[in-house]
Amino acid sequence: MELRERLLKLDGQSKLLIRALVSGPFGAHKALTVFHRQQRANPGVSILNLIKTLCRDEVTSETKTQPITIKPLVCLFPTLFKQNLLTFISLVHRLLPQTAVRDLLVCFRKEPHRSPWVSALISQLERNIGVHSEEPLCTPICSQRIKQLSQQFVSPGGTRGWADYFGGFVKGSGTLTNSLEQGAQKKRRSSQISLDSEDETVQQRKRSKMDACRQECVDAAEQNTKEDAPEKLQSVVLSEGTDENIQPATDSESLIDALPQHMKNAVLQIKEVLESETDWDQSSVDVFKVLNECDPIQVEMLCNMLCLSDLPEQTLPKLCSTILAPSNDLSYITATKFIKSLLLKKVLSLSEPASRSLVTAGTSLCSRYPRPMCQAVILPVLEDKNIGNPHSELLNRLIERCLDSHYRLLVLQMTFKIAWNEAVISIIHCTLDSKPDVSEELFTQLTEQLLSQGPQFTKSVKFAKMMLTVLTKYSTSVTATHKQSLHSCLLLNETFLKKSLQAALKRITPP
């Protein structure tokens, strides 16, 4: 029986999840979005039926000449589906019985020839559910390559670690830097050959544009140095560990000159695309591939040269759809720098509800890159002292439409480190109303925040509504200690909801 025929036996909800999981490299995120929508439509929905079906043994034969064998249905799917499924299960395994997850992992283990990535995901998921696994997360070949790579970081004086290695890259010395410079020189020579073949008028026009871009970059970099000095390139390159001998570059012109020629040419092409009033074709999409080749320093320089923060908002949806093309799969750091340069200034300057173009751009980028969006936009907006209703409305849309339970909890934790106001309370209410999977420790932190920050909101209806959500949707999480804290918080309430709040608290019976 063909795989397609087997899938026809599934129910409609399972078919939608299967379709999302086979849709591409981001199938796990799409499946999670489908699952959340199914939960909102039917709170009792479960994926146990899908897991049981995937664990069912099926008679199959890979070729007509090979003997018939019996395999679990999940083993008949392509590798990409298996990777997406394991990633998806790791995100929702707390909502499933451990026996079902273990049965699925047993089925995966029955496949003798697994890809290394699938094997690593299996081992990681076993660790997440508390199953002892002696199998390492990487293969012996991978371990050997990591060991060889680590040996490259040993200096004559002994091991100095990753910081010194990348420090050589920042300071322009060392084997890695030399090899990169040689590659850049080759690219410059190839670019020069193509430039020599062009008409002199075209070359003059490009030189004029390059000078203009260079001056814009110098101005932007100098302004960025004044406004954001602590957030320099050293903190970007070295995410863990520091080296006192490493000094971030401060000469803007030298940084621009350090860019390979093909990146400078790409900036000109991108500027022409952004200024174009016609529809963008595939060649327009391809010019943005240069972002995949950039290191963190180069990303920051390119964003400054392109002046992304000053782009008209009507250009944002078209630009975002281009950046989100399958060929432009940005790394975490690149996506964070790009999103911050593109959106943060526009979001912080909101004095009225965000335009449709800004909302579209924000939701599309947040759906594809949720963690970079949290770091580049959501956190700075929450920390801004001037946050108001326009900002909270936009962030609530992002939370509701784009973020899964894990990232909603991340946003909730962000609010514990700042002073609350009406806008922040609205964001907290939106986050809690979606009922993410709050742990006991996180719920304890929430009650502590309610008790410490609540006295300044005794007459706030928004705060009272948020408290009502806590008492109704999280009643099973309330312990005797929590109840006492919440009772103290409600004593100060002066809104018309006080009786409803007290009644809701009275109905809670701690375990």
Protein backbone atom coordinates (compact mmCIF):
# COMPACT_ATOMS: atom_id res chain seq x y z
CA MET A 1 0.00 0.00 0.00
CA GLU A 2 1.42 3.43 -0.95
CA LEU A 3 2.24 5.97 1.73
CA ARG A 4 -0.36 8.35 0.29
CA GLU A 5 -3.06 5.70 0.66
CA ARG A 6 -2.06 5.05 4.25
CA LEU A 7 -2.38 8.73 5.08
CA LEU A 8 -5.92 8.85 3.71
CA LYS A 9 -6.98 6.86 6.78
CA LEU A 10 -6.01 9.70 9.11
CA ASP A 11 -8.53 12.17 10.50
CA GLY A 12 -8.63 15.74 9.23
CA GLN A 13 -6.66 17.25 12.13
CA SER A 14 -3.85 14.73 11.72
CA LYS A 15 -3.70 15.34 7.97
CA LEU A 16 -3.19 19.05 8.56
CA LEU A 17 -0.31 18.34 10.93
CA ILE A 18 1.25 15.88 8.48
CA ARG A 19 0.98 18.45 5.69
CA ALA A 20 2.73 21.04 7.85
CA LEU A 21 5.50 18.64 8.86
CA VAL A 22 6.36 17.79 5.24
CA SER A 23 6.20 21.41 4.06
CA GLY A 24 9.93 22.16 4.39
CA PRO A 25 12.72 22.96 6.85
CA PHE A 26 10.35 25.05 9.01
CA GLY A 27 7.70 22.35 9.16
CA ALA A 28 7.96 21.96 12.95
CA HIS A 29 7.06 25.61 13.52
CA LYS A 30 4.19 25.39 11.02
CA ALA A 31 2.89 22.25 12.72
CA LEU A 32 3.02 24.02 16.08
CA THR A 33 0.99 26.90 14.66
CA VAL A 34 -1.58 24.44 13.25
CA PHE A 35 -1.74 22.63 16.59
CA HIS A 36 -2.36 25.86 18.53
CA ARG A 37 -5.16 26.81 16.13
CA GLN A 38 -6.72 23.40 16.57
CA GLN A 39 -6.51 23.81 20.36
CA ARG A 40 -8.23 27.20 20.20
CA ALA A 41 -11.02 25.74 18.07
CA ASN A 42 -11.30 22.61 20.21
CA PRO A 43 -9.54 22.70 23.62
CA GLY A 44 -9.81 18.92 23.90
CA VAL A 45 -7.85 18.21 20.73
CA SER A 46 -4.94 15.77 21.04
CA ILE A 47 -2.27 14.33 18.77
CA LEU A 48 -2.33 10.91 20.40
CA ASN A 49 -4.24 9.48 17.44
CA LEU A 50 -1.51 10.73 15.09
CA ILE A 51 1.26 9.22 17.23
CA LYS A 52 -0.54 5.87 17.46
CA THR A 53 -0.97 5.83 13.69
CA LEU A 54 2.70 6.61 13.10
CA CYS A 55 3.68 3.78 15.47
CA ARG A 56 1.51 1.24 13.64
CA ASP A 57 3.46 -1.50 11.83
CA GLU A 58 3.13 -1.53 8.06
CA VAL A 59 4.17 -4.08 5.47
CA THR A 60 6.55 -2.53 2.96
CA SER A 61 9.31 -3.19 0.47
CA GLU A 62 11.77 -0.54 -0.66
CA THR A 63 12.20 -2.10 -4.12
CA LYS A 64 10.51 -4.87 -6.05
CA THR A 65 13.56 -7.10 -5.73
CA GLN A 66 13.97 -6.73 -1.96
CA PRO A 67 11.98 -8.89 0.46
CA ILE A 68 8.92 -7.57 2.23
CA THR A 69 9.56 -6.18 5.70
CA ILE A 70 7.50 -4.77 8.54
CA LYS A 71 8.29 -1.22 9.70
CA PRO A 72 6.52 1.41 11.76
CA LEU A 73 4.73 3.88 9.55
CA VAL A 74 6.93 6.76 10.79
CA CYS A 75 10.02 5.04 9.32
CA LEU A 76 8.52 5.22 5.83
CA PHE A 77 8.55 9.01 5.77
CA PRO A 78 11.46 11.07 4.38
CA THR A 79 14.23 12.28 6.69
CA LEU A 80 13.02 15.90 6.69
CA PHE A 81 9.62 14.81 8.04
CA LYS A 82 11.29 12.82 10.83
CA GLN A 83 13.42 15.80 11.83
CA ASN A 84 10.39 18.10 11.87
CA LEU A 85 8.30 15.57 13.80
CA LEU A 86 10.94 15.09 16.51
CA THR A 87 11.38 18.86 16.84
CA PHE A 88 7.61 19.32 17.06
CA ILE A 89 7.23 16.57 19.68
CA SER A 90 10.03 18.11 21.76
CA LEU A 91 8.02 21.37 21.88
CA VAL A 92 4.74 19.77 22.96
CA HIS A 93 5.88 16.65 24.85
CA ARG A 94 4.70 18.11 28.19
CA LEU A 95 1.13 17.93 26.85
CA LEU A 96 1.45 14.22 26.00
CA PRO A 97 1.64 11.05 28.06
CA GLN A 98 5.25 9.93 28.36
CA THR A 99 4.29 6.42 27.29
CA ALA A 100 3.14 7.73 23.89
CA VAL A 101 6.37 9.65 23.36
CA ARG A 102 8.43 6.62 24.41
CA ASP A 103 6.54 4.37 21.99
CA LEU A 104 7.30 6.79 19.17
CA LEU A 105 10.99 6.88 20.09
CA VAL A 106 11.08 3.08 20.17
CA CYS A 107 9.74 3.07 16.61
CA PHE A 108 12.47 5.48 15.54
CA ARG A 109 15.06 3.23 17.16
CA LYS A 110 13.91 0.32 14.99
CA GLU A 111 15.29 2.04 11.90
CA PRO A 112 18.91 0.84 11.53
CA HIS A 113 20.12 3.52 9.09
CA ARG A 114 19.18 6.90 10.54
CA SER A 115 20.62 10.26 9.66
CA PRO A 116 22.95 11.71 12.34
CA TRP A 117 20.57 14.63 12.85
CA VAL A 118 17.61 12.34 13.52
CA SER A 119 19.71 10.30 15.96
CA ALA A 120 20.72 13.47 17.81
CA LEU A 121 17.09 14.62 18.06
CA ILE A 122 16.04 11.22 19.37
CA SER A 123 18.72 11.30 22.09
CA GLN A 124 17.84 14.87 23.05
CA LEU A 125 14.12 14.09 23.30
CA GLU A 126 14.91 11.06 25.47
CA ARG A 127 16.83 13.33 27.82
CA ASN A 128 13.92 15.78 27.90
CA ILE A 129 11.44 13.15 29.04
CA GLY A 130 13.84 11.66 31.57
CA VAL A 131 14.77 8.50 29.69
CA HIS A 132 18.39 7.48 30.25
CA SER A 133 20.23 7.37 26.94
CA GLU A 134 23.84 6.28 26.61
CA GLU A 135 23.96 7.23 22.95
CA PRO A 136 25.87 10.51 22.45
CA LEU A 137 24.24 13.42 20.67
CA CYS A 138 26.83 13.33 17.90
CA THR A 139 28.39 10.50 15.93
CA PRO A 140 32.01 9.35 16.43
CA ILE A 141 32.96 11.04 13.15
CA CYS A 142 31.38 14.29 14.32
CA SER A 143 33.15 14.00 17.67
CA GLN A 144 36.47 13.49 15.89
CA ARG A 145 35.90 16.57 13.73
CA ILE A 146 35.04 18.66 16.78
CA LYS A 147 38.23 17.45 18.46
CA GLN A 148 40.27 18.37 15.39
CA LEU A 149 38.63 21.79 15.26
CA SER A 150 39.35 22.38 18.94
CA GLN A 151 43.03 21.54 18.40
CA GLN A 152 43.26 24.44 15.96
CA PHE A 153 42.68 26.84 18.86
CA VAL A 154 45.84 25.77 20.71
CA SER A 155 48.55 28.40 20.68
CA PRO A 156 52.26 27.76 21.40
CA GLY A 157 51.66 28.88 24.98
CA GLY A 158 48.79 26.49 25.54
CA THR A 159 45.03 26.48 25.08
CA ARG A 160 43.52 29.95 25.24
CA GLY A 161 39.97 29.15 24.17
CA TRP A 162 37.45 30.46 21.69
CA ALA A 163 37.71 34.10 22.75
CA ASP A 164 41.35 34.42 21.71
CA TYR A 165 40.68 32.59 18.47
CA PHE A 166 37.91 34.94 17.43
CA GLY A 167 39.90 37.81 18.89
CA GLY A 168 42.42 37.19 16.14
CA PHE A 169 39.60 37.52 13.67
CA VAL A 170 38.46 40.83 15.15
CA LYS A 171 41.99 42.26 15.27
CA GLY A 172 42.81 41.16 11.73
CA SER A 173 45.54 38.62 12.52
CA GLY A 174 45.88 34.86 12.57
CA THR A 175 45.40 31.96 10.18
CA LEU A 176 41.64 32.42 9.87
CA THR A 177 41.97 36.09 9.03
CA ASN A 178 44.66 35.44 6.45
CA SER A 179 42.58 32.79 4.73
CA LEU A 180 39.56 35.08 4.69
CA GLU A 181 41.65 37.91 3.28
CA GLN A 182 42.93 35.64 0.52
CA GLY A 183 39.35 34.67 -0.34
CA ALA A 184 38.32 38.31 -0.32
CA GLN A 185 41.20 39.20 -2.66
CA LYS A 186 40.11 36.50 -5.08
CA LYS A 187 36.57 37.89 -5.02
CA ARG A 188 37.90 41.41 -5.54
CA ARG A 189 39.92 40.25 -8.57
CA SER A 190 36.89 38.52 -10.07
CA SER A 191 34.77 41.58 -9.41
CA GLN A 192 37.43 43.79 -10.99
CA ILE A 193 37.41 41.70 -14.18
CA SER A 194 33.67 42.19 -14.52
CA LEU A 195 33.98 45.93 -13.83
CA ASP A 196 36.69 46.37 -16.46
CA SER A 197 34.37 44.97 -19.10
CA GLU A 198 31.70 47.57 -18.41
CA ASP A 199 31.27 50.89 -20.05
CA GLU A 200 33.17 53.81 -18.48
CA THR A 201 29.91 55.70 -17.89
CA VAL A 202 28.47 52.80 -15.90
CA GLN A 203 31.64 52.59 -13.81
CA GLN A 204 31.50 56.31 -13.07
CA ARG A 205 27.85 56.01 -11.96
CA LYS A 206 28.72 53.11 -9.65
CA ARG A 207 31.66 55.00 -8.15
CA SER A 208 29.41 57.96 -7.41
CA LYS A 209 26.86 55.75 -5.69
CA MET A 210 29.60 53.98 -3.74
CA ASP A 211 30.92 57.29 -2.44
CA ALA A 212 27.42 58.28 -1.37
CA CYS A 213 26.87 54.94 0.34
CA ARG A 214 30.23 55.22 2.05
CA GLN A 215 29.46 58.64 3.45
CA GLU A 216 26.03 57.46 4.66
CA CYS A 217 27.66 54.52 6.37
CA VAL A 218 30.24 56.71 8.08
CA ASP A 219 27.55 59.05 9.38
CA ALA A 220 25.35 56.18 10.54
CA ALA A 221 28.24 54.36 12.21
CA GLU A 222 29.38 57.50 14.02
CA GLN A 223 25.85 58.15 15.24
CA ASN A 224 25.53 54.52 16.33
CA THR A 225 28.81 54.82 18.24
CA LYS A 226 27.47 57.79 20.20
CA GLU A 227 24.07 56.29 20.96
CA ASP A 228 24.94 52.64 21.50
CA ALA A 229 28.58 52.47 22.56
CA PRO A 230 28.20 49.52 24.99
CA GLU A 231 26.62 47.36 22.30
CA LYS A 232 29.68 47.21 20.10
CA LEU A 233 30.95 44.48 17.88
CA GLN A 234 32.93 42.74 20.61
CA SER A 235 29.72 41.71 22.41
CA VAL A 236 28.27 40.42 19.14
CA VAL A 237 31.20 38.26 18.12
CA LEU A 238 31.94 36.94 21.61
CA SER A 239 28.59 35.79 22.96
CA GLU A 240 30.34 33.78 25.68
CA GLY A 241 33.53 34.81 27.42
CA THR A 242 35.58 37.96 27.02
CA ASP A 243 39.17 38.87 26.39
CA GLU A 244 40.59 41.99 27.92
CA ASN A 245 43.02 42.35 25.02
CA ILE A 246 40.26 42.55 22.40
CA GLN A 247 39.38 46.09 21.39
CA PRO A 248 36.36 46.75 19.15
CA ALA A 249 37.10 48.74 16.02
CA THR A 250 35.99 52.33 16.20
CA ASP A 251 37.23 53.63 12.86
CA SER A 252 34.14 53.54 10.63
CA GLU A 253 36.04 54.10 7.40
CA SER A 254 38.45 51.24 8.08
CA LEU A 255 35.50 48.92 8.73
CA ILE A 256 33.90 49.94 5.43
CA ASP A 257 37.17 49.39 3.60
CA ALA A 258 37.39 45.93 5.18
CA LEU A 259 34.20 44.82 3.41
CA PRO A 260 34.82 42.57 0.42
CA GLN A 261 34.17 44.24 -2.91
CA HIS A 262 31.29 41.92 -3.79
CA MET A 263 29.47 43.02 -0.60
CA LYS A 264 29.94 46.67 -1.50
CA ASN A 265 28.56 45.93 -4.96
CA ALA A 266 25.64 44.08 -3.38
CA VAL A 267 24.78 47.19 -1.33
CA LEU A 268 24.44 49.19 -4.54
CA GLN A 269 22.22 46.53 -6.06
CA ILE A 270 20.04 46.33 -2.94
CA LYS A 271 19.65 50.10 -2.89
CA GLU A 272 18.50 50.02 -6.51
CA VAL A 273 15.99 47.29 -5.69
CA LEU A 274 14.63 49.19 -2.67
CA GLU A 275 14.23 52.34 -4.75
CA SER A 276 12.57 50.49 -7.61
CA GLU A 277 8.83 51.07 -7.99
CA THR A 278 8.28 47.95 -10.10
CA ASP A 279 7.63 44.42 -8.87
CA TRP A 280 10.69 42.51 -7.70
CA ASP A 281 11.68 39.48 -9.76
CA GLN A 282 13.89 36.54 -8.81
CA SER A 283 17.06 38.51 -9.52
CA SER A 284 15.90 41.08 -6.97
CA VAL A 285 15.46 38.32 -4.41
CA ASP A 286 18.91 36.91 -5.13
CA VAL A 287 20.75 40.14 -4.28
CA PHE A 288 19.75 39.71 -0.62
CA LYS A 289 21.62 36.38 -0.45
CA VAL A 290 24.69 38.38 0.50
CA LEU A 291 23.30 38.51 4.05
CA ASN A 292 23.90 34.76 4.33
CA GLU A 293 27.60 35.34 3.69
CA CYS A 294 28.10 38.05 6.33
CA ASP A 295 29.64 37.72 9.73
CA PRO A 296 28.11 39.82 12.58
CA ILE A 297 30.38 42.79 11.90
CA GLN A 298 29.55 42.85 8.20
CA VAL A 299 25.82 42.53 8.89
CA GLU A 300 25.91 45.63 11.06
CA MET A 301 27.86 47.55 8.44
CA LEU A 302 25.51 46.55 5.63
CA CYS A 303 22.43 47.50 7.65
CA ASN A 304 23.96 50.92 8.36
CA MET A 305 24.88 51.44 4.71
CA LEU A 306 21.35 50.53 3.60
CA CYS A 307 19.76 52.86 6.21
CA LEU A 308 17.06 50.27 6.87
CA SER A 309 15.54 52.20 9.77
CA ASP A 310 14.62 55.05 7.40
CA LEU A 311 12.87 52.94 4.75
CA PRO A 312 9.25 53.92 3.95
CA GLU A 313 6.81 51.61 5.71
CA GLN A 314 5.04 50.72 2.46
CA THR A 315 8.28 49.04 1.34
CA LEU A 316 8.44 46.75 4.38
CA PRO A 317 6.04 43.93 3.32
CA LYS A 318 7.78 43.49 -0.03
CA LEU A 319 11.21 43.54 1.60
CA CYS A 320 10.17 41.05 4.28
CA SER A 321 8.68 38.63 1.75
CA THR A 322 12.02 38.75 -0.08
CA ILE A 323 14.06 38.19 3.08
CA LEU A 324 11.78 35.27 4.01
CA ALA A 325 12.33 33.52 0.68
CA PRO A 326 13.63 29.95 1.14
CA SER A 327 17.02 30.92 -0.30
CA ASN A 328 17.51 33.59 2.39
CA ASP A 329 17.73 31.53 5.57
CA LEU A 330 19.38 33.90 8.06
CA SER A 331 21.32 32.83 11.12
CA TYR A 332 20.21 33.94 14.60
CA ILE A 333 22.71 36.81 14.86
CA THR A 334 22.10 37.99 11.29
CA ALA A 335 18.33 37.90 11.74
CA THR A 336 18.60 39.77 15.07
CA LYS A 337 20.76 42.55 13.62
CA PHE A 338 18.58 42.86 10.51
CA ILE A 339 15.26 42.96 12.41
CA LYS A 340 16.62 45.48 14.90
CA SER A 341 17.88 47.77 12.14
CA LEU A 342 14.66 47.46 10.16
CA LEU A 343 11.90 47.66 12.80
CA LEU A 344 13.04 48.86 16.22
CA LYS A 345 13.23 52.59 15.44
CA LYS A 346 9.84 52.50 13.71
CA VAL A 347 8.19 50.63 16.60
CA LEU A 348 9.66 52.84 19.33
CA SER A 349 8.50 55.99 17.53
CA LEU A 350 4.85 54.88 17.36
CA SER A 351 2.41 57.53 18.58
CA GLU A 352 -0.68 55.94 17.03
CA PRO A 353 -1.68 52.39 16.07
CA ALA A 354 0.85 50.72 13.77
CA SER A 355 0.18 50.85 10.06
CA ARG A 356 -0.91 47.77 8.16
CA SER A 357 2.51 47.62 6.46
CA LEU A 358 4.37 47.65 9.79
CA VAL A 359 2.06 45.00 11.28
CA THR A 360 2.48 42.78 8.21
CA ALA A 361 6.26 43.11 8.30
CA GLY A 362 6.41 42.45 12.04
CA THR A 363 4.20 39.36 11.98
CA SER A 364 5.96 37.83 8.98
CA LEU A 365 9.42 38.25 10.52
CA CYS A 366 8.23 37.14 13.96
CA SER A 367 6.68 33.96 12.56
CA ARG A 368 9.94 32.98 10.84
CA TYR A 369 12.38 34.29 13.46
CA PRO A 370 10.60 34.38 16.85
CA ARG A 371 13.67 34.43 19.09
CA PRO A 372 15.48 37.19 17.12
CA MET A 373 12.24 39.22 17.20
CA CYS A 374 12.01 38.82 20.99
CA GLN A 375 15.61 39.96 21.39
CA ALA A 376 15.67 42.73 18.76
CA VAL A 377 12.22 44.35 19.19
CA ILE A 378 10.04 43.01 22.00
CA LEU A 379 12.63 43.30 24.80
CA PRO A 380 13.80 46.86 23.90
CA VAL A 381 10.18 48.04 23.59
CA LEU A 382 9.29 46.57 27.00
CA GLU A 383 12.32 48.26 28.55
CA ASP A 384 11.49 51.62 26.98
CA LYS A 385 10.08 54.08 29.54
CA ASN A 386 7.74 55.63 26.95
CA ILE A 387 5.90 52.41 26.09
CA GLY A 388 2.21 53.11 25.53
CA ASN A 389 -0.95 51.73 23.97
CA PRO A 390 0.30 51.74 20.32
CA HIS A 391 3.29 49.65 21.37
CA SER A 392 1.26 47.22 23.48
CA GLU A 393 -1.28 46.73 20.66
CA LEU A 394 1.48 45.78 18.22
CA LEU A 395 3.25 43.47 20.68
CA ASN A 396 -0.05 41.79 21.56
CA ARG A 397 -0.62 41.03 17.88
CA LEU A 398 2.83 39.49 17.62
CA ILE A 399 2.26 37.41 20.76
CA GLU A 400 -1.16 36.14 19.65
CA ARG A 401 -0.30 35.41 16.02
CA CYS A 402 3.33 34.39 15.97
CA LEU A 403 4.71 33.16 19.28
CA ASP A 404 4.26 29.65 20.63
CA SER A 405 4.11 28.77 24.32
CA HIS A 406 7.88 28.75 24.78
CA TYR A 407 8.38 32.29 23.49
CA ARG A 408 5.32 33.61 25.31
CA LEU A 409 6.89 32.42 28.54
CA LEU A 410 10.07 34.21 27.48
CA VAL A 411 8.10 37.45 27.06
CA LEU A 412 6.45 36.93 30.46
CA GLN A 413 9.87 36.52 32.09
CA MET A 414 11.02 39.75 30.42
CA THR A 415 8.26 41.65 32.21
CA PHE A 416 9.54 40.51 35.62
CA LYS A 417 12.69 42.61 35.17
CA ILE A 418 11.02 45.96 34.43
CA ALA A 419 8.65 48.38 36.13
CA TRP A 420 5.03 47.86 35.09
CA ASN A 421 2.63 50.40 33.62
CA GLU A 422 -0.76 50.09 31.94
CA ALA A 423 0.79 49.10 28.59
CA VAL A 424 2.98 46.40 30.14
CA ILE A 425 -0.01 45.04 32.08
CA SER A 426 -1.90 44.75 28.80
CA ILE A 427 0.96 42.68 27.35
CA ILE A 428 1.11 40.46 30.45
CA HIS A 429 -2.66 39.93 30.25
CA CYS A 430 -2.42 38.97 26.58
CA THR A 431 0.39 36.53 27.32
CA LEU A 432 -1.43 34.88 30.23
CA ASP A 433 -4.74 34.79 28.38
CA SER A 434 -3.20 32.47 25.78
CA LYS A 435 -2.47 30.09 28.68
CA PRO A 436 1.13 29.05 28.03
CA ASP A 437 2.53 26.10 29.92
CA VAL A 438 3.59 27.95 33.12
CA SER A 439 5.80 25.98 35.49
CA GLU A 440 5.41 26.13 39.27
CA GLU A 441 8.60 28.17 39.61
CA LEU A 442 7.48 30.70 37.01
CA PHE A 443 4.02 30.98 38.58
CA THR A 444 5.68 31.69 41.93
CA GLN A 445 7.66 34.50 40.32
CA LEU A 446 4.44 35.86 38.82
CA THR A 447 2.67 35.98 42.20
CA GLU A 448 5.69 37.72 43.71
CA GLN A 449 5.51 40.36 40.99
CA LEU A 450 1.76 40.81 41.51
CA LEU A 451 2.35 41.35 45.21
CA SER A 452 5.26 43.79 44.77
CA GLN A 453 3.97 45.84 41.83
CA GLY A 454 0.23 45.58 42.54
CA PRO A 455 -0.07 48.41 45.12
CA GLN A 456 0.39 51.07 42.43
CA PHE A 457 -2.53 49.67 40.39
CA THR A 458 -5.28 49.57 43.02
CA LYS A 459 -7.65 51.50 40.71
CA SER A 460 -6.51 49.95 37.43
CA VAL A 461 -9.20 47.96 35.63
CA LYS A 462 -6.57 46.42 33.34
CA PHE A 463 -4.68 45.09 36.35
CA ALA A 464 -7.92 43.72 37.85
CA LYS A 465 -8.78 41.92 34.59
CA MET A 466 -5.29 40.45 34.43
CA MET A 467 -5.68 39.23 38.03
CA LEU A 468 -9.03 37.66 37.14
CA THR A 469 -7.34 35.75 34.31
CA VAL A 470 -4.71 34.44 36.74
CA LEU A 471 -7.39 33.27 39.22
CA THR A 472 -9.58 31.56 36.62
CA LYS A 473 -7.17 30.08 34.08
CA TYR A 474 -4.40 29.14 36.51
CA SER A 475 -6.46 28.02 39.49
CA THR A 476 -4.86 24.56 39.44
CA SER A 477 -1.42 26.14 39.84
CA VAL A 478 -2.35 28.04 43.02
CA THR A 479 -0.85 26.62 46.20
CA ALA A 480 -1.67 27.66 49.77
CA THR A 481 1.28 30.09 49.73
CA HIS A 482 0.19 31.54 46.40
CA LYS A 483 -3.36 31.96 47.67
CA GLN A 484 -2.17 33.92 50.67
CA SER A 485 -0.10 36.24 48.46
CA LEU A 486 -2.98 36.75 46.03
CA HIS A 487 -5.35 37.47 48.92
CA SER A 488 -3.01 40.21 50.17
CA CYS A 489 -2.90 41.67 46.68
CA LEU A 490 -6.71 41.74 46.35
CA LEU A 491 -7.23 43.53 49.67
CA LEU A 492 -5.92 46.74 48.07
CA ASN A 493 -8.09 46.55 44.96
CA GLU A 494 -10.58 49.39 44.55
CA THR A 495 -12.20 48.55 41.20
CA PHE A 496 -15.71 47.27 40.50
CA LEU A 497 -14.17 43.82 39.90
CA LYS A 498 -13.05 43.36 43.50
CA LYS A 499 -16.00 41.14 44.50
CA SER A 500 -15.52 38.97 41.40
CA LEU A 501 -11.84 38.62 42.20
CA GLN A 502 -12.50 37.65 45.80
CA ALA A 503 -15.14 35.14 44.73
CA ALA A 504 -12.76 33.57 42.20
CA LEU A 505 -10.03 33.30 44.84
CA LYS A 506 -12.46 31.78 47.34
CA ARG A 507 -13.40 29.01 44.87
CA ILE A 508 -9.77 27.88 44.59
CA THR A 509 -8.92 24.89 46.75
CA PRO A 510 -5.14 24.41 46.91
CA PRO A 511 -3.87 20.81 46.84
